[in-house]
Amino acid sequence: QIVPPGFPNPNIPCEYRLVVEPDQLVELTIESFESNTCCDYLYIFEGPLATPASLLSILKGADLPDEERTITTKSSNIMLVKWVPKGAINVRGFKVSGSFLELLKV
């Protein structure tokens, strides 16, 4: 499991890189998520760099639909998870877990 520093008072920015074997994809499961909609964000990127082209998801608020609770890389074996709080007052932040998916060989 991955939680931000200071959890459950997550007001410290942080980054995590999830790396699996080269023939695998990274799958991230959001176990819990709560942020201030105005200003606390969880960015999820495909690959090791935080670029607009590699952005998979931006999460904020508290009510995530089921389809946003699991995020998988499309082709990379690396996922970057970046927590950017701008206060994180009276919220718990996030708790996620990572796993891998085997690429099917055709």
Protein backbone atom coordinates (compact mmCIF):
# COMPACT_ATOMS: atom_id res chain seq x y z
CA GLN A 1 0.00 0.00 0.00
CA ILE A 2 1.07 3.53 -0.72
CA VAL A 3 -0.03 6.57 1.29
CA PRO A 4 1.28 10.15 1.26
CA PRO A 5 3.64 11.37 4.00
CA GLY A 6 1.71 12.45 7.07
CA PHE A 7 -1.30 10.25 6.26
CA PRO A 8 -4.02 10.83 7.36
CA ASN A 9 -2.97 14.52 7.32
CA PRO A 10 -1.45 14.52 3.82
CA ASN A 11 -0.20 18.06 3.26
CA ILE A 12 3.25 17.12 1.91
CA PRO A 13 3.76 16.78 -1.89
CA CYS A 14 5.27 13.47 -2.98
CA GLU A 15 5.95 11.22 -5.97
CA TYR A 16 6.04 7.46 -6.29
CA ARG A 17 7.31 5.44 -9.24
CA LEU A 18 5.84 1.99 -9.61
CA VAL A 19 8.07 -0.24 -11.72
CA VAL A 20 7.36 -3.80 -12.85
CA GLU A 21 9.16 -6.17 -15.22
CA PRO A 22 9.56 -4.96 -18.85
CA ASP A 23 6.92 -7.40 -20.16
CA GLN A 24 4.30 -6.23 -17.66
CA LEU A 25 1.91 -3.30 -17.20
CA VAL A 26 1.32 -1.42 -13.95
CA GLU A 27 -2.15 -1.52 -12.41
CA LEU A 28 -3.03 0.95 -9.66
CA THR A 29 -6.04 0.39 -7.41
CA ILE A 30 -7.45 3.35 -5.47
CA GLU A 31 -8.45 1.94 -2.08
CA SER A 32 -9.46 5.27 -0.57
CA PHE A 33 -9.31 8.84 -1.84
CA GLU A 34 -10.33 12.15 -0.31
CA SER A 35 -9.06 15.58 -1.32
CA ASN A 36 -10.29 19.15 -1.45
CA THR A 37 -11.90 19.54 -4.88
CA CYS A 38 -10.51 23.04 -5.21
CA CYS A 39 -6.89 22.39 -4.75
CA ASP A 40 -5.54 18.89 -3.92
CA TYR A 41 -4.71 16.66 -6.87
CA LEU A 42 -3.44 13.14 -7.50
CA TYR A 43 -1.82 12.93 -10.95
CA ILE A 44 -1.13 9.55 -12.52
CA PHE A 45 1.28 9.28 -15.46
CA GLU A 46 2.35 6.52 -17.81
CA GLY A 47 6.13 6.20 -17.68
CA PRO A 48 8.73 7.84 -15.44
CA LEU A 49 8.09 11.49 -16.39
CA ALA A 50 5.29 13.92 -15.58
CA THR A 51 4.42 15.27 -19.02
CA PRO A 52 1.03 16.27 -20.51
CA ALA A 53 1.31 13.50 -23.11
CA SER A 54 1.84 10.81 -20.46
CA LEU A 55 -1.04 11.87 -18.17
CA LEU A 56 -3.44 8.98 -17.46
CA SER A 57 -5.66 10.59 -14.83
CA ILE A 58 -6.16 13.57 -12.51
CA LEU A 59 -8.10 12.77 -9.35
CA LYS A 60 -9.66 15.28 -6.95
CA GLY A 61 -12.60 15.39 -4.56
CA ALA A 62 -13.92 12.34 -2.77
CA ASP A 63 -16.51 10.53 -4.86
CA LEU A 64 -14.69 8.49 -7.48
CA PRO A 65 -16.77 6.41 -9.87
CA ASP A 66 -15.89 2.71 -9.94
CA GLU A 67 -14.29 3.04 -13.40
CA GLU A 68 -11.74 5.52 -11.97
CA ARG A 69 -10.70 3.27 -9.08
CA THR A 70 -8.41 1.10 -11.22
CA ILE A 71 -5.88 2.68 -13.57
CA THR A 72 -3.56 0.68 -15.82
CA THR A 73 -0.66 1.76 -18.00
CA LYS A 74 -1.24 1.21 -21.71
CA SER A 75 2.25 0.17 -22.78
CA SER A 76 4.80 1.14 -20.11
CA ASN A 77 6.10 -0.90 -17.20
CA ILE A 78 6.45 2.33 -15.16
CA MET A 79 3.77 4.49 -13.56
CA LEU A 80 4.37 7.82 -11.82
CA VAL A 81 1.94 8.79 -9.04
CA LYS A 82 2.21 12.44 -7.97
CA TRP A 83 0.34 13.97 -5.00
CA VAL A 84 0.08 17.77 -5.13
CA PRO A 85 -1.79 19.16 -2.11
CA LYS A 86 -2.50 22.87 -1.74
CA GLY A 87 -3.55 22.66 1.86
CA ALA A 88 -5.14 19.20 2.21
CA ILE A 89 -7.19 20.47 5.14
CA ASN A 90 -9.67 18.07 6.79
CA VAL A 91 -9.09 15.35 4.20
CA ARG A 92 -7.32 11.97 4.35
CA GLY A 93 -5.51 12.01 1.00
CA PHE A 94 -5.14 8.65 -0.67
CA LYS A 95 -4.35 5.00 -0.13
CA VAL A 96 -3.46 3.00 -3.23
CA SER A 97 -1.92 -0.34 -4.08
CA GLY A 98 -0.01 -1.37 -7.15
CA SER A 99 0.17 -4.65 -8.99
CA PHE A 100 1.14 -5.89 -12.43
CA LEU A 101 -0.55 -7.37 -15.46
CA GLU A 102 1.23 -9.74 -17.82
CA LEU A 103 1.29 -8.63 -21.45
CA LEU A 104 -0.28 -11.19 -23.71
CA LYS A 105 2.14 -12.50 -26.29
CA VAL A 106 0.47 -13.00 -29.64
